[in-house]
Amino acid sequence: MGLLSAIRDYDPKLNASFKTFAELCIKRRLISAVKSASSLKHIPLNDGVSLDEVLSEDSHAQLAGTQFLNTRVPEEQVLARESRSEIVSAFSQCLSKLENQILSLYLEGWSYQEMAEHTGKSVKSIDNAVQRIRRKLARQPNLSDDS
């Protein structure tokens, strides 16, 4: 990629040899690639846990595959092993009344708009509640896998 950008951007009027310019472009591209590859900036986005994936009925069939389980973080493995009712009962203790209601509706497949109309809350409030549920779910100490 660095060589291609050197070919594209080289200007012989600047009194530099193409070799020198290409070496500089390649070196900069390599440094940039190493920096972005070692950056931890996007780890929270890439390792996020979706409630849809963890709690959906369809995903339970996929969880039987060991390859799928081996690529998951320990929290997700524990969640995958527990039944839906056990998960809901465990979480209901740490969730507010609204969050429990939202979780039930979410698991039934309701859209944010439908939940907002049913509860009399705004769509943003519903989204905030779902985000709080996800954070609380991830912090549950009784769901950590010590093995």
N, C-alpha and C. Protein backbone atom coordinates (compact mmCIF):
# COMPACT_ATOMS: atom_id res chain seq x y z
N MET A 1 0.83 -1.19 0.00
CA MET A 1 0.00 0.00 0.00
C MET A 1 0.88 1.25 0.00
N GLY A 2 1.96 1.18 0.72
CA GLY A 2 2.88 2.31 0.74
C GLY A 2 3.49 2.56 -0.62
N LEU A 3 3.83 1.48 -1.33
CA LEU A 3 4.40 1.63 -2.67
C LEU A 3 3.37 2.21 -3.64
N LEU A 4 2.13 1.77 -3.52
CA LEU A 4 1.08 2.32 -4.38
C LEU A 4 0.86 3.81 -4.14
N SER A 5 0.87 4.19 -2.87
CA SER A 5 0.70 5.62 -2.58
C SER A 5 1.92 6.42 -3.07
N ALA A 6 3.11 5.80 -3.02
CA ALA A 6 4.31 6.48 -3.54
C ALA A 6 4.20 6.67 -5.04
N ILE A 7 3.74 5.66 -5.74
CA ILE A 7 3.56 5.76 -7.19
C ILE A 7 2.55 6.85 -7.52
N ARG A 8 1.48 6.86 -6.78
CA ARG A 8 0.40 7.81 -7.05
C ARG A 8 0.80 9.25 -6.70
N ASP A 9 1.56 9.43 -5.63
CA ASP A 9 1.84 10.78 -5.13
C ASP A 9 3.21 11.34 -5.51
N TYR A 10 4.04 10.55 -6.16
CA TYR A 10 5.39 11.02 -6.48
C TYR A 10 5.36 12.20 -7.45
N ASP A 11 6.17 13.20 -7.10
CA ASP A 11 6.29 14.39 -7.96
C ASP A 11 7.79 14.61 -8.23
N PRO A 12 8.26 14.37 -9.44
CA PRO A 12 9.69 14.51 -9.74
C PRO A 12 10.18 15.96 -9.63
N LYS A 13 9.27 16.91 -9.59
CA LYS A 13 9.67 18.33 -9.49
C LYS A 13 10.19 18.69 -8.11
N LEU A 14 10.03 17.81 -7.13
CA LEU A 14 10.44 18.12 -5.76
C LEU A 14 11.90 17.75 -5.48
N ASN A 15 12.65 17.37 -6.47
CA ASN A 15 14.08 17.07 -6.36
C ASN A 15 14.38 15.94 -5.37
N ALA A 16 13.55 14.92 -5.36
CA ALA A 16 13.82 13.73 -4.55
C ALA A 16 13.70 12.52 -5.48
N SER A 17 14.57 11.54 -5.24
CA SER A 17 14.50 10.35 -6.08
C SER A 17 13.26 9.55 -5.71
N PHE A 18 12.77 8.79 -6.67
CA PHE A 18 11.59 7.97 -6.40
C PHE A 18 11.88 6.94 -5.32
N LYS A 19 13.10 6.38 -5.35
CA LYS A 19 13.48 5.36 -4.36
C LYS A 19 13.36 5.92 -2.95
N THR A 20 13.90 7.11 -2.72
CA THR A 20 13.84 7.73 -1.40
C THR A 20 12.39 8.00 -0.99
N PHE A 21 11.61 8.52 -1.92
CA PHE A 21 10.21 8.83 -1.64
C PHE A 21 9.42 7.55 -1.35
N ALA A 22 9.66 6.49 -2.13
CA ALA A 22 8.96 5.22 -1.93
C ALA A 22 9.33 4.60 -0.59
N GLU A 23 10.62 4.62 -0.23
CA GLU A 23 11.05 4.08 1.06
C GLU A 23 10.34 4.79 2.21
N LEU A 24 10.24 6.10 2.12
CA LEU A 24 9.58 6.89 3.15
C LEU A 24 8.09 6.52 3.24
N CYS A 25 7.43 6.42 2.10
CA CYS A 25 6.00 6.07 2.08
C CYS A 25 5.76 4.68 2.66
N ILE A 26 6.59 3.73 2.29
CA ILE A 26 6.45 2.36 2.78
C ILE A 26 6.69 2.29 4.29
N LYS A 27 7.75 2.96 4.73
CA LYS A 27 8.08 2.97 6.16
C LYS A 27 6.93 3.58 6.97
N ARG A 28 6.39 4.69 6.51
CA ARG A 28 5.28 5.34 7.22
C ARG A 28 4.04 4.45 7.24
N ARG A 29 3.78 3.76 6.14
CA ARG A 29 2.61 2.88 6.08
C ARG A 29 2.78 1.71 7.04
N LEU A 30 3.99 1.16 7.12
CA LEU A 30 4.25 0.07 8.06
C LEU A 30 4.08 0.52 9.51
N ILE A 31 4.62 1.68 9.84
CA ILE A 31 4.48 2.21 11.20
C ILE A 31 3.01 2.43 11.54
N SER A 32 2.28 2.98 10.60
CA SER A 32 0.86 3.21 10.80
C SER A 32 0.10 1.90 11.02
N ALA A 33 0.44 0.87 10.25
CA ALA A 33 -0.22 -0.42 10.39
C ALA A 33 0.09 -1.06 11.74
N VAL A 34 1.33 -0.96 12.18
CA VAL A 34 1.71 -1.52 13.48
C VAL A 34 0.98 -0.79 14.61
N LYS A 35 0.92 0.52 14.53
CA LYS A 35 0.24 1.30 15.57
C LYS A 35 -1.24 0.95 15.64
N SER A 36 -1.89 0.85 14.50
CA SER A 36 -3.32 0.56 14.52
C SER A 36 -3.58 -0.88 14.95
N ALA A 37 -2.70 -1.80 14.62
CA ALA A 37 -2.88 -3.19 15.03
C ALA A 37 -2.68 -3.38 16.53
N SER A 38 -1.80 -2.59 17.12
CA SER A 38 -1.54 -2.74 18.55
C SER A 38 -2.40 -1.81 19.39
N SER A 39 -3.23 -1.03 18.78
CA SER A 39 -4.10 -0.10 19.50
C SER A 39 -5.21 -0.86 20.23
N LEU A 40 -5.49 -0.45 21.44
CA LEU A 40 -6.55 -1.06 22.24
C LEU A 40 -7.84 -0.24 22.16
N LYS A 41 -7.85 0.73 21.29
CA LYS A 41 -8.95 1.68 21.20
C LYS A 41 -10.30 1.02 20.94
N HIS A 42 -10.34 0.04 20.04
CA HIS A 42 -11.61 -0.53 19.62
C HIS A 42 -11.96 -1.85 20.31
N ILE A 43 -11.21 -2.26 21.30
CA ILE A 43 -11.49 -3.52 21.98
C ILE A 43 -12.88 -3.54 22.61
N PRO A 44 -13.33 -2.49 23.30
CA PRO A 44 -14.69 -2.56 23.86
C PRO A 44 -15.77 -2.76 22.79
N LEU A 45 -15.59 -2.17 21.64
CA LEU A 45 -16.58 -2.34 20.58
C LEU A 45 -16.53 -3.74 19.98
N ASN A 46 -15.33 -4.28 19.84
CA ASN A 46 -15.19 -5.59 19.23
C ASN A 46 -15.57 -6.73 20.18
N ASP A 47 -15.45 -6.52 21.48
CA ASP A 47 -15.72 -7.57 22.46
C ASP A 47 -17.07 -7.40 23.13
N GLY A 48 -17.91 -6.54 22.63
CA GLY A 48 -19.22 -6.32 23.24
C GLY A 48 -20.09 -7.55 23.16
N VAL A 49 -20.96 -7.69 24.14
CA VAL A 49 -21.87 -8.82 24.20
C VAL A 49 -23.26 -8.33 23.85
N SER A 50 -23.86 -8.93 22.87
CA SER A 50 -25.20 -8.56 22.46
C SER A 50 -26.22 -9.43 23.21
N LEU A 51 -27.25 -8.80 23.77
CA LEU A 51 -28.30 -9.56 24.41
C LEU A 51 -28.98 -10.48 23.41
N ASP A 52 -29.13 -10.02 22.18
CA ASP A 52 -29.76 -10.84 21.15
C ASP A 52 -29.01 -12.15 20.97
N GLU A 53 -27.69 -12.06 20.90
CA GLU A 53 -26.87 -13.24 20.66
C GLU A 53 -26.89 -14.18 21.85
N VAL A 54 -26.80 -13.64 23.05
CA VAL A 54 -26.67 -14.46 24.24
C VAL A 54 -28.00 -15.11 24.63
N LEU A 55 -29.09 -14.37 24.51
CA LEU A 55 -30.36 -14.84 25.05
C LEU A 55 -31.36 -15.34 24.01
N SER A 56 -31.04 -15.27 22.75
CA SER A 56 -32.01 -15.68 21.74
C SER A 56 -32.12 -17.20 21.71
N GLU A 57 -33.30 -17.65 21.37
CA GLU A 57 -33.55 -19.09 21.28
C GLU A 57 -32.70 -19.72 20.17
N ASP A 58 -32.52 -19.02 19.06
CA ASP A 58 -31.76 -19.55 17.93
C ASP A 58 -30.30 -19.79 18.28
N SER A 59 -29.75 -18.96 19.16
CA SER A 59 -28.33 -19.10 19.48
C SER A 59 -28.05 -20.31 20.34
N HIS A 60 -29.08 -20.81 21.07
CA HIS A 60 -28.85 -21.98 21.93
C HIS A 60 -28.47 -23.19 21.10
N ALA A 61 -29.00 -23.30 19.88
CA ALA A 61 -28.63 -24.42 19.02
C ALA A 61 -27.17 -24.30 18.58
N GLN A 62 -26.72 -23.09 18.34
CA GLN A 62 -25.34 -22.87 17.92
C GLN A 62 -24.36 -23.12 19.06
N LEU A 63 -24.82 -22.97 20.29
CA LEU A 63 -23.92 -23.07 21.43
C LEU A 63 -23.42 -24.49 21.65
N ALA A 64 -24.05 -25.46 21.03
CA ALA A 64 -23.62 -26.84 21.20
C ALA A 64 -22.25 -27.07 20.57
N GLY A 65 -21.91 -26.30 19.56
CA GLY A 65 -20.61 -26.46 18.89
C GLY A 65 -19.48 -26.00 19.76
N THR A 66 -18.45 -26.82 19.91
CA THR A 66 -17.32 -26.45 20.77
C THR A 66 -16.51 -25.32 20.18
N GLN A 67 -16.48 -25.22 18.88
CA GLN A 67 -15.72 -24.12 18.27
C GLN A 67 -16.34 -22.79 18.67
N PHE A 68 -17.67 -22.73 18.69
CA PHE A 68 -18.35 -21.49 19.08
C PHE A 68 -18.07 -21.17 20.54
N LEU A 69 -18.11 -22.19 21.41
CA LEU A 69 -17.86 -21.95 22.83
C LEU A 69 -16.42 -21.54 23.09
N ASN A 70 -15.48 -22.12 22.36
CA ASN A 70 -14.07 -21.82 22.60
C ASN A 70 -13.70 -20.40 22.20
N THR A 71 -14.46 -19.78 21.32
CA THR A 71 -14.12 -18.43 20.89
C THR A 71 -14.79 -17.38 21.75
N ARG A 72 -15.56 -17.77 22.72
CA ARG A 72 -16.31 -16.83 23.55
C ARG A 72 -15.56 -16.55 24.84
N VAL A 73 -15.81 -15.39 25.42
CA VAL A 73 -15.21 -15.06 26.70
C VAL A 73 -15.92 -15.85 27.78
N PRO A 74 -15.32 -16.03 28.95
CA PRO A 74 -15.92 -16.85 30.00
C PRO A 74 -17.34 -16.42 30.40
N GLU A 75 -17.57 -15.13 30.47
CA GLU A 75 -18.92 -14.68 30.84
C GLU A 75 -19.96 -15.20 29.86
N GLU A 76 -19.63 -15.15 28.58
CA GLU A 76 -20.55 -15.61 27.55
C GLU A 76 -20.74 -17.12 27.63
N GLN A 77 -19.69 -17.86 27.97
CA GLN A 77 -19.82 -19.31 28.08
C GLN A 77 -20.78 -19.69 29.19
N VAL A 78 -20.68 -19.01 30.32
CA VAL A 78 -21.58 -19.30 31.43
C VAL A 78 -23.01 -18.95 31.04
N LEU A 79 -23.19 -17.79 30.43
CA LEU A 79 -24.52 -17.39 29.99
C LEU A 79 -25.10 -18.39 29.00
N ALA A 80 -24.27 -18.93 28.15
CA ALA A 80 -24.74 -19.87 27.15
C ALA A 80 -25.20 -21.17 27.78
N ARG A 81 -24.61 -21.55 28.90
CA ARG A 81 -24.97 -22.80 29.55
C ARG A 81 -26.25 -22.71 30.36
N GLU A 82 -26.59 -21.54 30.80
CA GLU A 82 -27.77 -21.39 31.64
C GLU A 82 -29.02 -21.24 30.78
N SER A 83 -30.12 -21.68 31.33
CA SER A 83 -31.36 -21.55 30.59
C SER A 83 -31.86 -20.12 30.68
N ARG A 84 -32.77 -19.79 29.79
CA ARG A 84 -33.30 -18.42 29.72
C ARG A 84 -33.98 -18.03 31.03
N SER A 85 -34.75 -18.92 31.61
CA SER A 85 -35.46 -18.58 32.85
C SER A 85 -34.49 -18.36 34.02
N GLU A 86 -33.43 -19.15 34.07
CA GLU A 86 -32.43 -18.96 35.13
C GLU A 86 -31.74 -17.62 34.99
N ILE A 87 -31.46 -17.25 33.75
CA ILE A 87 -30.80 -15.97 33.51
C ILE A 87 -31.70 -14.83 33.94
N VAL A 88 -32.95 -14.89 33.53
CA VAL A 88 -33.90 -13.81 33.85
C VAL A 88 -34.08 -13.71 35.36
N SER A 89 -34.22 -14.84 36.05
CA SER A 89 -34.42 -14.78 37.50
C SER A 89 -33.17 -14.26 38.22
N ALA A 90 -31.99 -14.64 37.73
CA ALA A 90 -30.76 -14.15 38.35
C ALA A 90 -30.61 -12.65 38.16
N PHE A 91 -30.97 -12.16 37.00
CA PHE A 91 -30.81 -10.73 36.73
C PHE A 91 -31.91 -9.90 37.35
N SER A 92 -33.08 -10.48 37.54
CA SER A 92 -34.20 -9.69 38.05
C SER A 92 -33.90 -9.12 39.43
N GLN A 93 -33.02 -9.76 40.17
CA GLN A 93 -32.68 -9.28 41.51
C GLN A 93 -31.87 -8.00 41.47
N CYS A 94 -31.10 -7.79 40.43
CA CYS A 94 -30.25 -6.60 40.37
C CYS A 94 -30.80 -5.51 39.46
N LEU A 95 -31.95 -5.77 38.84
CA LEU A 95 -32.53 -4.80 37.92
C LEU A 95 -33.68 -4.05 38.58
N SER A 96 -33.88 -2.83 38.14
CA SER A 96 -35.02 -2.05 38.63
C SER A 96 -36.31 -2.61 38.03
N LYS A 97 -37.43 -2.11 38.50
CA LYS A 97 -38.73 -2.57 38.01
C LYS A 97 -38.85 -2.31 36.50
N LEU A 98 -38.46 -1.11 36.06
CA LEU A 98 -38.51 -0.78 34.64
C LEU A 98 -37.58 -1.67 33.84
N GLU A 99 -36.37 -1.89 34.34
CA GLU A 99 -35.41 -2.72 33.63
C GLU A 99 -35.91 -4.16 33.50
N ASN A 100 -36.54 -4.69 34.56
CA ASN A 100 -37.13 -6.02 34.48
C ASN A 100 -38.21 -6.08 33.42
N GLN A 101 -39.04 -5.05 33.38
CA GLN A 101 -40.11 -5.01 32.38
C GLN A 101 -39.53 -4.94 30.97
N ILE A 102 -38.53 -4.08 30.80
CA ILE A 102 -37.89 -3.93 29.48
C ILE A 102 -37.22 -5.23 29.06
N LEU A 103 -36.54 -5.90 29.99
CA LEU A 103 -35.88 -7.17 29.67
C LEU A 103 -36.90 -8.21 29.23
N SER A 104 -38.02 -8.30 29.91
CA SER A 104 -39.06 -9.26 29.52
C SER A 104 -39.58 -8.96 28.12
N LEU A 105 -39.87 -7.70 27.85
CA LEU A 105 -40.38 -7.32 26.54
C LEU A 105 -39.33 -7.56 25.46
N TYR A 106 -38.08 -7.25 25.79
CA TYR A 106 -36.97 -7.43 24.84
C TYR A 106 -36.83 -8.90 24.46
N LEU A 107 -36.92 -9.76 25.46
CA LEU A 107 -36.78 -11.19 25.21
C LEU A 107 -37.96 -11.76 24.43
N GLU A 108 -39.10 -11.09 24.50
CA GLU A 108 -40.26 -11.50 23.72
C GLU A 108 -40.18 -11.01 22.28
N GLY A 109 -39.17 -10.19 21.98
CA GLY A 109 -38.96 -9.73 20.62
C GLY A 109 -39.59 -8.40 20.29
N TRP A 110 -40.00 -7.64 21.29
CA TRP A 110 -40.61 -6.33 21.04
C TRP A 110 -39.55 -5.36 20.53
N SER A 111 -39.95 -4.46 19.67
CA SER A 111 -39.05 -3.41 19.19
C SER A 111 -38.96 -2.31 20.24
N TYR A 112 -37.96 -1.44 20.11
CA TYR A 112 -37.83 -0.31 21.03
C TYR A 112 -39.08 0.57 20.98
N GLN A 113 -39.59 0.77 19.77
CA GLN A 113 -40.77 1.62 19.61
C GLN A 113 -41.98 1.00 20.33
N GLU A 114 -42.17 -0.30 20.17
CA GLU A 114 -43.28 -0.98 20.84
C GLU A 114 -43.13 -0.92 22.36
N MET A 115 -41.92 -1.11 22.84
CA MET A 115 -41.69 -1.03 24.29
C MET A 115 -41.96 0.37 24.81
N ALA A 116 -41.55 1.38 24.03
CA ALA A 116 -41.76 2.77 24.44
C ALA A 116 -43.25 3.06 24.53
N GLU A 117 -44.02 2.63 23.57
CA GLU A 117 -45.46 2.86 23.59
C GLU A 117 -46.12 2.11 24.75
N HIS A 118 -45.70 0.89 25.00
CA HIS A 118 -46.28 0.07 26.06
C HIS A 118 -45.99 0.64 27.45
N THR A 119 -44.78 1.15 27.65
CA THR A 119 -44.38 1.65 28.98
C THR A 119 -44.63 3.14 29.17
N GLY A 120 -44.92 3.85 28.09
CA GLY A 120 -45.11 5.29 28.19
C GLY A 120 -43.79 6.05 28.30
N LYS A 121 -42.72 5.43 27.92
CA LYS A 121 -41.38 6.04 27.95
C LYS A 121 -40.95 6.37 26.54
N SER A 122 -39.89 7.17 26.42
CA SER A 122 -39.36 7.50 25.10
C SER A 122 -38.48 6.35 24.61
N VAL A 123 -38.25 6.30 23.32
CA VAL A 123 -37.38 5.28 22.73
C VAL A 123 -35.98 5.40 23.32
N LYS A 124 -35.52 6.62 23.57
CA LYS A 124 -34.20 6.84 24.17
C LYS A 124 -34.15 6.24 25.58
N SER A 125 -35.23 6.39 26.35
CA SER A 125 -35.27 5.79 27.68
C SER A 125 -35.19 4.28 27.61
N ILE A 126 -35.85 3.72 26.62
CA ILE A 126 -35.80 2.26 26.43
C ILE A 126 -34.37 1.83 26.09
N ASP A 127 -33.74 2.55 25.17
CA ASP A 127 -32.37 2.24 24.80
C ASP A 127 -31.44 2.37 26.01
N ASN A 128 -31.62 3.41 26.80
CA ASN A 128 -30.80 3.59 28.00
C ASN A 128 -30.99 2.42 28.96
N ALA A 129 -32.24 1.97 29.12
CA ALA A 129 -32.52 0.84 30.01
C ALA A 129 -31.84 -0.43 29.50
N VAL A 130 -31.89 -0.66 28.20
CA VAL A 130 -31.23 -1.84 27.62
C VAL A 130 -29.73 -1.77 27.85
N GLN A 131 -29.14 -0.60 27.69
CA GLN A 131 -27.70 -0.45 27.92
C GLN A 131 -27.34 -0.70 29.39
N ARG A 132 -28.20 -0.21 30.30
CA ARG A 132 -27.96 -0.47 31.74
C ARG A 132 -28.06 -1.96 32.03
N ILE A 133 -29.03 -2.63 31.42
CA ILE A 133 -29.19 -4.07 31.61
C ILE A 133 -27.94 -4.79 31.13
N ARG A 134 -27.42 -4.41 29.99
CA ARG A 134 -26.21 -5.05 29.46
C ARG A 134 -25.03 -4.87 30.39
N ARG A 135 -24.88 -3.64 30.92
CA ARG A 135 -23.76 -3.40 31.84
C ARG A 135 -23.93 -4.20 33.12
N LYS A 136 -25.13 -4.22 33.66
CA LYS A 136 -25.37 -4.98 34.88
C LYS A 136 -25.17 -6.47 34.65
N LEU A 137 -25.58 -6.94 33.51
CA LEU A 137 -25.41 -8.33 33.14
C LEU A 137 -23.94 -8.71 33.13
N ALA A 138 -23.12 -7.86 32.57
CA ALA A 138 -21.69 -8.13 32.46
C ALA A 138 -20.99 -8.09 33.81
N ARG A 139 -21.56 -7.35 34.77
CA ARG A 139 -20.91 -7.19 36.08
C ARG A 139 -21.36 -8.22 37.11
N GLN A 140 -22.24 -9.13 36.76
CA GLN A 140 -22.75 -10.09 37.73
C GLN A 140 -21.65 -11.02 38.23
N PRO A 141 -21.28 -10.95 39.51
CA PRO A 141 -20.20 -11.80 40.03
C PRO A 141 -20.57 -13.27 40.06
N ASN A 142 -21.85 -13.59 40.25
CA ASN A 142 -22.25 -15.00 40.33
C ASN A 142 -22.28 -15.67 38.97
N LEU A 143 -21.99 -14.92 37.90
CA LEU A 143 -21.97 -15.50 36.57
C LEU A 143 -20.57 -15.66 36.03
N SER A 144 -19.56 -15.34 36.82
CA SER A 144 -18.19 -15.47 36.31
C SER A 144 -17.78 -16.94 36.35
N ASP A 145 -16.98 -17.34 35.38
CA ASP A 145 -16.53 -18.72 35.25
C ASP A 145 -15.11 -18.80 35.77
N ASP A 146 -14.92 -19.45 36.91
CA ASP A 146 -13.59 -19.50 37.53
C ASP A 146 -12.70 -20.57 36.93
N SER A 147 -13.26 -21.43 36.12
CA SER A 147 -12.44 -22.51 35.56
C SER A 147 -11.61 -22.05 34.40
